[in-house]
Amino acid sequence: MGDAKTDAGRRDVRLRPVLRDELAAVKAAAPDTRPEAFVFATSEGQATNASAVRNRVLAPAVELANRRLEDHGSPPLPDRLTPHSLRRTFASLLYALGENPAVVMAEMGHTDPGLALAIYAQAMRRQEGEAGRLQALVNGAYWTDAGRRAAPDPVIQAPATAA
């Protein structure tokens, strides 16, 4: 692996079980299944760049998700969804669920608590039962039919956010 730009660039992160299972399935189907091999690698087995991840992994997943959302009468995902926007959304979800800010900061590689909370712990409108729905989302209860491994589950509409 390459060098990190900062000390916070290398860290341990907790994989939620549903993500771990999906990554294990992708890894098991990869040409190189050695533990040290990348999950998403180039044809030469090297690390992929952000553009390749957006084009080869994220774009097809968004396209499939939008078809499923349309089938259920739900609005599509936002335009120009990126791995970084998914990272920001996940951090915001963890804060909304009441995860300890020090834990979220450590997993995300943030070093300035004020900046992390200002960016990620934005006020979200709360509806009755929302905390439970968000927890189920993070734990994979609403994992939609995304391909060869996932079983069909209900598609949920994203909760309203503060304007």
N, C-alpha and C. Protein backbone atom coordinates (compact mmCIF):
# COMPACT_ATOMS: atom_id res chain seq x y z
N MET A 1 0.83 -1.19 0.00
CA MET A 1 0.00 0.00 0.00
C MET A 1 0.87 1.24 0.00
N GLY A 2 0.33 2.32 -0.54
CA GLY A 2 1.07 3.56 -0.62
C GLY A 2 1.11 4.29 0.70
N ASP A 3 1.92 5.33 0.72
CA ASP A 3 2.02 6.14 1.92
C ASP A 3 0.80 7.03 2.04
N ALA A 4 0.40 7.29 3.26
CA ALA A 4 -0.71 8.20 3.51
C ALA A 4 -0.20 9.64 3.52
N LYS A 5 -1.08 10.58 3.15
CA LYS A 5 -0.69 11.99 3.15
C LYS A 5 -0.49 12.51 4.57
N THR A 6 -1.26 11.98 5.52
CA THR A 6 -1.16 12.40 6.91
C THR A 6 -1.20 11.17 7.81
N ASP A 7 -0.89 11.37 9.10
CA ASP A 7 -0.97 10.25 10.06
C ASP A 7 -2.39 9.70 10.13
N ALA A 8 -3.39 10.57 9.95
CA ALA A 8 -4.79 10.13 10.02
C ALA A 8 -5.19 9.33 8.78
N GLY A 9 -4.34 9.32 7.75
CA GLY A 9 -4.66 8.61 6.52
C GLY A 9 -4.61 7.10 6.65
N ARG A 10 -3.97 6.61 7.66
CA ARG A 10 -3.94 5.16 7.92
C ARG A 10 -4.64 4.94 9.25
N ARG A 11 -5.69 4.12 9.24
CA ARG A 11 -6.46 3.92 10.45
C ARG A 11 -7.26 2.62 10.36
N ASP A 12 -7.71 2.16 11.49
CA ASP A 12 -8.61 1.01 11.54
C ASP A 12 -10.04 1.52 11.46
N VAL A 13 -10.85 0.84 10.67
CA VAL A 13 -12.26 1.19 10.58
C VAL A 13 -13.08 -0.07 10.83
N ARG A 14 -14.23 0.13 11.43
CA ARG A 14 -15.13 -0.98 11.73
C ARG A 14 -16.04 -1.19 10.52
N LEU A 15 -15.97 -2.34 9.92
CA LEU A 15 -16.88 -2.67 8.82
C LEU A 15 -18.17 -3.22 9.40
N ARG A 16 -19.28 -2.65 8.99
CA ARG A 16 -20.57 -3.20 9.41
C ARG A 16 -20.74 -4.55 8.72
N PRO A 17 -21.44 -5.50 9.35
CA PRO A 17 -21.54 -6.85 8.80
C PRO A 17 -22.02 -6.92 7.35
N VAL A 18 -23.00 -6.11 6.99
CA VAL A 18 -23.53 -6.19 5.63
C VAL A 18 -22.47 -5.76 4.61
N LEU A 19 -21.69 -4.74 4.92
CA LEU A 19 -20.62 -4.32 4.02
C LEU A 19 -19.52 -5.36 3.96
N ARG A 20 -19.15 -5.90 5.10
CA ARG A 20 -18.14 -6.95 5.13
C ARG A 20 -18.55 -8.13 4.24
N ASP A 21 -19.81 -8.54 4.33
CA ASP A 21 -20.29 -9.67 3.52
C ASP A 21 -20.23 -9.36 2.03
N GLU A 22 -20.62 -8.16 1.65
CA GLU A 22 -20.59 -7.79 0.23
C GLU A 22 -19.16 -7.70 -0.29
N LEU A 23 -18.26 -7.11 0.50
CA LEU A 23 -16.86 -7.02 0.07
C LEU A 23 -16.22 -8.41 -0.01
N ALA A 24 -16.58 -9.30 0.91
CA ALA A 24 -16.05 -10.66 0.87
C ALA A 24 -16.52 -11.38 -0.40
N ALA A 25 -17.76 -11.14 -0.82
CA ALA A 25 -18.28 -11.76 -2.04
C ALA A 25 -17.56 -11.23 -3.28
N VAL A 26 -17.30 -9.92 -3.31
CA VAL A 26 -16.57 -9.33 -4.43
C VAL A 26 -15.15 -9.89 -4.46
N LYS A 27 -14.53 -9.97 -3.30
CA LYS A 27 -13.16 -10.49 -3.20
C LYS A 27 -13.09 -11.94 -3.64
N ALA A 28 -14.07 -12.75 -3.24
CA ALA A 28 -14.08 -14.17 -3.59
C ALA A 28 -14.21 -14.38 -5.09
N ALA A 29 -14.85 -13.44 -5.79
CA ALA A 29 -15.03 -13.56 -7.24
C ALA A 29 -13.90 -12.89 -8.02
N ALA A 30 -12.97 -12.25 -7.33
CA ALA A 30 -11.88 -11.53 -8.00
C ALA A 30 -10.83 -12.50 -8.53
N PRO A 31 -10.08 -12.07 -9.56
CA PRO A 31 -9.01 -12.93 -10.08
C PRO A 31 -7.94 -13.25 -9.04
N ASP A 32 -7.66 -12.32 -8.13
CA ASP A 32 -6.64 -12.52 -7.10
C ASP A 32 -7.32 -12.48 -5.74
N THR A 33 -7.46 -13.62 -5.10
CA THR A 33 -8.17 -13.69 -3.83
C THR A 33 -7.24 -13.71 -2.62
N ARG A 34 -5.95 -13.47 -2.84
CA ARG A 34 -5.02 -13.43 -1.70
C ARG A 34 -5.43 -12.33 -0.73
N PRO A 35 -5.25 -12.55 0.58
CA PRO A 35 -5.65 -11.54 1.56
C PRO A 35 -5.05 -10.16 1.32
N GLU A 36 -3.81 -10.11 0.82
CA GLU A 36 -3.16 -8.80 0.61
C GLU A 36 -3.56 -8.13 -0.70
N ALA A 37 -4.31 -8.82 -1.56
CA ALA A 37 -4.73 -8.23 -2.84
C ALA A 37 -5.87 -7.24 -2.62
N PHE A 38 -5.94 -6.26 -3.50
CA PHE A 38 -6.99 -5.25 -3.42
C PHE A 38 -8.34 -5.87 -3.76
N VAL A 39 -9.40 -5.38 -3.11
CA VAL A 39 -10.76 -5.83 -3.44
C VAL A 39 -11.13 -5.31 -4.82
N PHE A 40 -10.90 -4.04 -5.06
CA PHE A 40 -11.16 -3.42 -6.36
C PHE A 40 -9.81 -3.07 -6.97
N ALA A 41 -9.36 -3.89 -7.89
CA ALA A 41 -8.02 -3.72 -8.45
C ALA A 41 -8.08 -3.49 -9.96
N THR A 42 -6.99 -2.97 -10.49
CA THR A 42 -6.86 -2.86 -11.94
C THR A 42 -6.63 -4.26 -12.51
N SER A 43 -6.62 -4.38 -13.83
CA SER A 43 -6.38 -5.69 -14.44
C SER A 43 -4.99 -6.22 -14.10
N GLU A 44 -4.07 -5.33 -13.69
CA GLU A 44 -2.73 -5.74 -13.28
C GLU A 44 -2.64 -5.98 -11.78
N GLY A 45 -3.77 -5.87 -11.06
CA GLY A 45 -3.77 -6.11 -9.62
C GLY A 45 -3.36 -4.93 -8.77
N GLN A 46 -3.24 -3.75 -9.37
CA GLN A 46 -2.84 -2.55 -8.63
C GLN A 46 -4.07 -1.83 -8.07
N ALA A 47 -3.81 -0.86 -7.19
CA ALA A 47 -4.90 -0.05 -6.63
C ALA A 47 -5.57 0.74 -7.75
N THR A 48 -6.89 0.87 -7.66
CA THR A 48 -7.61 1.67 -8.65
C THR A 48 -7.62 3.13 -8.21
N ASN A 49 -7.83 4.01 -9.18
CA ASN A 49 -7.94 5.42 -8.82
C ASN A 49 -9.41 5.78 -8.61
N ALA A 50 -9.64 6.96 -8.10
CA ALA A 50 -11.01 7.38 -7.78
C ALA A 50 -11.91 7.38 -9.00
N SER A 51 -11.37 7.76 -10.14
CA SER A 51 -12.17 7.79 -11.37
C SER A 51 -12.63 6.38 -11.75
N ALA A 52 -11.76 5.41 -11.64
CA ALA A 52 -12.12 4.04 -11.97
C ALA A 52 -13.19 3.51 -11.02
N VAL A 53 -13.08 3.83 -9.74
CA VAL A 53 -14.10 3.39 -8.77
C VAL A 53 -15.44 4.01 -9.12
N ARG A 54 -15.43 5.31 -9.45
CA ARG A 54 -16.69 5.97 -9.82
C ARG A 54 -17.31 5.32 -11.05
N ASN A 55 -16.48 5.04 -12.08
CA ASN A 55 -17.00 4.53 -13.34
C ASN A 55 -17.32 3.04 -13.32
N ARG A 56 -16.50 2.23 -12.67
CA ARG A 56 -16.67 0.77 -12.71
C ARG A 56 -17.53 0.22 -11.59
N VAL A 57 -17.58 0.92 -10.46
CA VAL A 57 -18.31 0.40 -9.30
C VAL A 57 -19.53 1.25 -8.97
N LEU A 58 -19.29 2.54 -8.73
CA LEU A 58 -20.38 3.39 -8.25
C LEU A 58 -21.42 3.68 -9.32
N ALA A 59 -21.01 4.05 -10.52
CA ALA A 59 -21.98 4.41 -11.57
C ALA A 59 -22.95 3.28 -11.88
N PRO A 60 -22.49 2.04 -12.06
CA PRO A 60 -23.45 0.96 -12.30
C PRO A 60 -24.38 0.71 -11.10
N ALA A 61 -23.85 0.85 -9.88
CA ALA A 61 -24.68 0.66 -8.69
C ALA A 61 -25.75 1.74 -8.60
N VAL A 62 -25.39 2.99 -8.91
CA VAL A 62 -26.36 4.09 -8.88
C VAL A 62 -27.43 3.88 -9.96
N GLU A 63 -27.01 3.45 -11.14
CA GLU A 63 -27.95 3.20 -12.22
C GLU A 63 -28.98 2.13 -11.82
N LEU A 64 -28.51 1.05 -11.24
CA LEU A 64 -29.41 -0.01 -10.79
C LEU A 64 -30.32 0.48 -9.67
N ALA A 65 -29.73 1.19 -8.71
CA ALA A 65 -30.53 1.71 -7.59
C ALA A 65 -31.62 2.66 -8.09
N ASN A 66 -31.28 3.52 -9.04
CA ASN A 66 -32.28 4.46 -9.56
C ASN A 66 -33.41 3.74 -10.29
N ARG A 67 -33.10 2.67 -11.00
CA ARG A 67 -34.17 1.89 -11.64
C ARG A 67 -35.08 1.28 -10.57
N ARG A 68 -34.49 0.75 -9.53
CA ARG A 68 -35.30 0.16 -8.45
C ARG A 68 -36.13 1.22 -7.73
N LEU A 69 -35.51 2.38 -7.48
CA LEU A 69 -36.25 3.46 -6.83
C LEU A 69 -37.42 3.91 -7.69
N GLU A 70 -37.20 4.05 -8.99
CA GLU A 70 -38.27 4.45 -9.91
C GLU A 70 -39.39 3.42 -9.89
N ASP A 71 -39.05 2.13 -9.88
CA ASP A 71 -40.06 1.08 -9.82
C ASP A 71 -40.94 1.19 -8.59
N HIS A 72 -40.38 1.73 -7.51
CA HIS A 72 -41.13 1.88 -6.26
C HIS A 72 -41.69 3.29 -6.06
N GLY A 73 -41.59 4.12 -7.10
CA GLY A 73 -42.14 5.47 -7.01
C GLY A 73 -41.35 6.40 -6.12
N SER A 74 -40.09 6.09 -5.88
CA SER A 74 -39.25 6.94 -5.03
C SER A 74 -38.35 7.79 -5.91
N PRO A 75 -37.91 8.93 -5.39
CA PRO A 75 -37.02 9.80 -6.18
C PRO A 75 -35.66 9.15 -6.38
N PRO A 76 -34.96 9.54 -7.45
CA PRO A 76 -33.64 8.96 -7.72
C PRO A 76 -32.60 9.50 -6.76
N LEU A 77 -31.45 8.84 -6.75
CA LEU A 77 -30.32 9.33 -5.98
C LEU A 77 -29.84 10.65 -6.58
N PRO A 78 -29.15 11.46 -5.80
CA PRO A 78 -28.67 12.75 -6.32
C PRO A 78 -27.71 12.57 -7.49
N ASP A 79 -27.71 13.53 -8.40
CA ASP A 79 -26.74 13.54 -9.50
C ASP A 79 -25.34 13.70 -8.92
N ARG A 80 -24.37 13.21 -9.68
CA ARG A 80 -22.96 13.36 -9.34
C ARG A 80 -22.60 12.77 -7.98
N LEU A 81 -23.18 11.63 -7.67
CA LEU A 81 -22.84 10.92 -6.45
C LEU A 81 -21.40 10.41 -6.56
N THR A 82 -20.60 10.62 -5.53
CA THR A 82 -19.19 10.22 -5.55
C THR A 82 -18.89 9.38 -4.31
N PRO A 83 -17.78 8.66 -4.32
CA PRO A 83 -17.39 7.95 -3.10
C PRO A 83 -17.26 8.90 -1.91
N HIS A 84 -16.77 10.12 -2.16
CA HIS A 84 -16.63 11.07 -1.05
C HIS A 84 -18.00 11.50 -0.51
N SER A 85 -18.97 11.69 -1.40
CA SER A 85 -20.30 12.08 -0.90
C SER A 85 -20.92 10.93 -0.10
N LEU A 86 -20.64 9.68 -0.48
CA LEU A 86 -21.12 8.55 0.31
C LEU A 86 -20.43 8.50 1.68
N ARG A 87 -19.16 8.84 1.70
CA ARG A 87 -18.41 8.89 2.95
C ARG A 87 -19.01 9.95 3.88
N ARG A 88 -19.31 11.12 3.32
CA ARG A 88 -19.90 12.20 4.13
C ARG A 88 -21.28 11.79 4.65
N THR A 89 -22.07 11.15 3.80
CA THR A 89 -23.39 10.71 4.22
C THR A 89 -23.28 9.70 5.36
N PHE A 90 -22.36 8.75 5.23
CA PHE A 90 -22.20 7.75 6.27
C PHE A 90 -21.78 8.39 7.59
N ALA A 91 -20.83 9.32 7.55
CA ALA A 91 -20.40 10.00 8.77
C ALA A 91 -21.58 10.74 9.40
N SER A 92 -22.38 11.40 8.58
CA SER A 92 -23.56 12.11 9.09
C SER A 92 -24.55 11.15 9.73
N LEU A 93 -24.73 9.97 9.11
CA LEU A 93 -25.63 8.97 9.69
C LEU A 93 -25.12 8.50 11.05
N LEU A 94 -23.82 8.27 11.16
CA LEU A 94 -23.29 7.83 12.44
C LEU A 94 -23.53 8.88 13.52
N TYR A 95 -23.30 10.14 13.19
CA TYR A 95 -23.57 11.21 14.17
C TYR A 95 -25.07 11.25 14.50
N ALA A 96 -25.94 11.13 13.49
CA ALA A 96 -27.39 11.18 13.72
C ALA A 96 -27.84 10.03 14.61
N LEU A 97 -27.14 8.91 14.56
CA LEU A 97 -27.47 7.76 15.40
C LEU A 97 -26.90 7.87 16.80
N GLY A 98 -26.13 8.93 17.05
CA GLY A 98 -25.59 9.15 18.39
C GLY A 98 -24.27 8.46 18.64
N GLU A 99 -23.59 8.05 17.57
CA GLU A 99 -22.27 7.42 17.74
C GLU A 99 -21.33 8.43 18.41
N ASN A 100 -20.47 7.96 19.25
CA ASN A 100 -19.52 8.81 19.95
C ASN A 100 -18.68 9.57 18.92
N PRO A 101 -18.64 10.91 19.00
CA PRO A 101 -17.87 11.69 18.03
C PRO A 101 -16.40 11.28 17.94
N ALA A 102 -15.79 10.88 19.05
CA ALA A 102 -14.39 10.45 19.00
C ALA A 102 -14.23 9.19 18.16
N VAL A 103 -15.20 8.30 18.21
CA VAL A 103 -15.15 7.07 17.42
C VAL A 103 -15.31 7.41 15.94
N VAL A 104 -16.29 8.26 15.61
CA VAL A 104 -16.51 8.65 14.21
C VAL A 104 -15.27 9.35 13.67
N MET A 105 -14.71 10.27 14.45
CA MET A 105 -13.52 10.99 14.00
C MET A 105 -12.37 10.03 13.73
N ALA A 106 -12.18 9.06 14.61
CA ALA A 106 -11.08 8.11 14.44
C ALA A 106 -11.28 7.29 13.17
N GLU A 107 -12.51 6.82 12.94
CA GLU A 107 -12.79 6.01 11.75
C GLU A 107 -12.66 6.81 10.47
N MET A 108 -13.02 8.08 10.51
CA MET A 108 -12.99 8.92 9.31
C MET A 108 -11.63 9.57 9.11
N GLY A 109 -10.77 9.54 10.12
CA GLY A 109 -9.44 10.14 9.99
C GLY A 109 -9.45 11.64 10.23
N HIS A 110 -10.43 12.11 10.97
CA HIS A 110 -10.50 13.54 11.27
C HIS A 110 -9.69 13.85 12.52
N THR A 111 -9.07 15.01 12.54
CA THR A 111 -8.26 15.40 13.68
C THR A 111 -8.79 16.63 14.40
N ASP A 112 -9.67 17.40 13.79
CA ASP A 112 -10.21 18.62 14.38
C ASP A 112 -11.67 18.41 14.74
N PRO A 113 -11.98 18.25 16.04
CA PRO A 113 -13.37 17.99 16.44
C PRO A 113 -14.34 19.07 15.99
N GLY A 114 -13.95 20.31 16.08
CA GLY A 114 -14.85 21.40 15.68
C GLY A 114 -15.21 21.32 14.21
N LEU A 115 -14.23 21.09 13.37
CA LEU A 115 -14.48 20.99 11.94
C LEU A 115 -15.32 19.76 11.62
N ALA A 116 -14.99 18.63 12.23
CA ALA A 116 -15.74 17.39 11.97
C ALA A 116 -17.20 17.56 12.34
N LEU A 117 -17.47 18.12 13.50
CA LEU A 117 -18.86 18.29 13.92
C LEU A 117 -19.57 19.33 13.08
N ALA A 118 -18.89 20.37 12.69
CA ALA A 118 -19.52 21.41 11.87
C ALA A 118 -19.92 20.86 10.50
N ILE A 119 -19.10 19.99 9.94
CA ILE A 119 -19.38 19.47 8.60
C ILE A 119 -20.36 18.31 8.64
N TYR A 120 -20.14 17.36 9.54
CA TYR A 120 -20.86 16.10 9.48
C TYR A 120 -22.06 15.99 10.41
N ALA A 121 -22.02 16.62 11.54
CA ALA A 121 -23.11 16.48 12.50
C ALA A 121 -24.15 17.58 12.30
N GLN A 122 -24.55 17.77 11.07
CA GLN A 122 -25.52 18.79 10.74
C GLN A 122 -26.89 18.39 11.30
N ALA A 123 -27.67 19.39 11.63
CA ALA A 123 -29.01 19.12 12.16
C ALA A 123 -29.85 18.42 11.11
N MET A 124 -30.49 17.38 11.52
CA MET A 124 -31.39 16.64 10.62
C MET A 124 -32.78 16.67 11.22
N ARG A 125 -33.78 16.83 10.38
CA ARG A 125 -35.16 16.74 10.86
C ARG A 125 -35.40 15.33 11.33
N ARG A 126 -36.08 15.22 12.43
CA ARG A 126 -36.37 13.90 12.97
C ARG A 126 -37.86 13.62 12.89
N GLN A 127 -38.19 12.48 12.34
CA GLN A 127 -39.56 12.02 12.31
C GLN A 127 -39.67 10.85 13.27
N GLU A 128 -40.87 10.56 13.71
CA GLU A 128 -41.07 9.46 14.63
C GLU A 128 -40.51 8.16 14.02
N GLY A 129 -39.71 7.46 14.77
CA GLY A 129 -39.15 6.20 14.32
C GLY A 129 -37.93 6.33 13.44
N GLU A 130 -37.48 7.56 13.18
CA GLU A 130 -36.37 7.76 12.26
C GLU A 130 -35.07 7.14 12.76
N ALA A 131 -34.79 7.25 14.05
CA ALA A 131 -33.55 6.67 14.57
C ALA A 131 -33.51 5.16 14.31
N GLY A 132 -34.61 4.49 14.51
CA GLY A 132 -34.66 3.05 14.25
C GLY A 132 -34.47 2.73 12.78
N ARG A 133 -35.07 3.54 11.90
CA ARG A 133 -34.92 3.31 10.46
C ARG A 133 -33.48 3.57 10.02
N LEU A 134 -32.85 4.60 10.58
CA LEU A 134 -31.45 4.88 10.24
C LEU A 134 -30.55 3.75 10.72
N GLN A 135 -30.80 3.25 11.93
CA GLN A 135 -29.99 2.15 12.45
C GLN A 135 -30.15 0.91 11.57
N ALA A 136 -31.37 0.62 11.14
CA ALA A 136 -31.61 -0.52 10.25
C ALA A 136 -30.89 -0.32 8.92
N LEU A 137 -30.88 0.91 8.42
CA LEU A 137 -30.20 1.21 7.17
C LEU A 137 -28.70 0.94 7.30
N VAL A 138 -28.09 1.45 8.37
CA VAL A 138 -26.66 1.26 8.59
C VAL A 138 -26.32 -0.22 8.77
N ASN A 139 -27.22 -0.96 9.38
CA ASN A 139 -26.98 -2.39 9.62
C ASN A 139 -27.36 -3.27 8.45
N GLY A 140 -27.90 -2.68 7.38
CA GLY A 140 -28.18 -3.45 6.17
C GLY A 140 -29.57 -4.04 6.08
N ALA A 141 -30.48 -3.66 6.96
CA ALA A 141 -31.83 -4.23 6.91
C ALA A 141 -32.56 -3.85 5.63
N TYR A 142 -32.21 -2.72 5.05
CA TYR A 142 -32.88 -2.25 3.84
C TYR A 142 -32.03 -2.46 2.61
N TRP A 143 -31.08 -3.36 2.66
CA TRP A 143 -30.20 -3.63 1.53
C TRP A 143 -31.06 -4.06 0.37
N THR A 144 -31.08 -3.28 -0.68
CA THR A 144 -31.92 -3.59 -1.82
C THR A 144 -31.25 -4.61 -2.74
N ASP A 145 -31.99 -5.19 -3.64
CA ASP A 145 -31.46 -6.17 -4.58
C ASP A 145 -30.43 -5.47 -5.46
N ALA A 146 -29.17 -5.64 -5.12
CA ALA A 146 -28.11 -4.90 -5.82
C ALA A 146 -27.28 -5.79 -6.73
N GLY A 147 -27.60 -7.03 -6.83
CA GLY A 147 -26.79 -7.88 -7.69
C GLY A 147 -26.85 -9.33 -7.28
N ARG A 148 -25.76 -10.01 -7.49
CA ARG A 148 -25.78 -11.47 -7.35
C ARG A 148 -25.94 -11.95 -5.92
N ARG A 149 -25.55 -11.18 -4.91
CA ARG A 149 -25.60 -11.67 -3.53
C ARG A 149 -26.82 -11.23 -2.77
N ALA A 150 -27.30 -10.05 -3.03
CA ALA A 150 -28.34 -9.47 -2.18
C ALA A 150 -29.70 -10.09 -2.45
N ALA A 151 -30.43 -10.30 -1.38
CA ALA A 151 -31.81 -10.76 -1.50
C ALA A 151 -32.71 -9.55 -1.59
N PRO A 152 -33.82 -9.64 -2.31
CA PRO A 152 -34.71 -8.48 -2.42
C PRO A 152 -35.26 -8.07 -1.06
N ASP A 153 -35.15 -6.81 -0.78
CA ASP A 153 -35.71 -6.21 0.42
C ASP A 153 -36.45 -4.96 0.00
N PRO A 154 -37.30 -4.43 0.87
CA PRO A 154 -38.02 -3.22 0.50
C PRO A 154 -37.06 -2.06 0.27
N VAL A 155 -37.37 -1.23 -0.68
CA VAL A 155 -36.62 -0.01 -0.93
C VAL A 155 -37.25 1.07 -0.07
N ILE A 156 -36.43 1.82 0.64
CA ILE A 156 -36.98 2.88 1.48
C ILE A 156 -36.69 4.23 0.85
N GLN A 157 -37.54 5.17 1.14
CA GLN A 157 -37.33 6.53 0.65
C GLN A 157 -36.45 7.24 1.67
N ALA A 158 -35.48 7.97 1.19
CA ALA A 158 -34.56 8.69 2.07
C ALA A 158 -35.34 9.69 2.91
N PRO A 159 -34.97 9.82 4.21
CA PRO A 159 -35.65 10.80 5.05
C PRO A 159 -35.38 12.22 4.57
N ALA A 160 -36.31 13.10 4.84
CA ALA A 160 -36.15 14.51 4.47
C ALA A 160 -35.01 15.11 5.25
N THR A 161 -34.25 15.99 4.62
CA THR A 161 -33.15 16.66 5.30
C THR A 161 -33.49 18.14 5.44
N ALA A 162 -32.81 18.76 6.37
CA ALA A 162 -33.03 20.18 6.60
C ALA A 162 -32.57 20.98 5.39
N ALA A 163 -33.30 21.99 5.02
CA ALA A 163 -32.93 22.82 3.87
C ALA A 163 -31.93 23.87 4.26
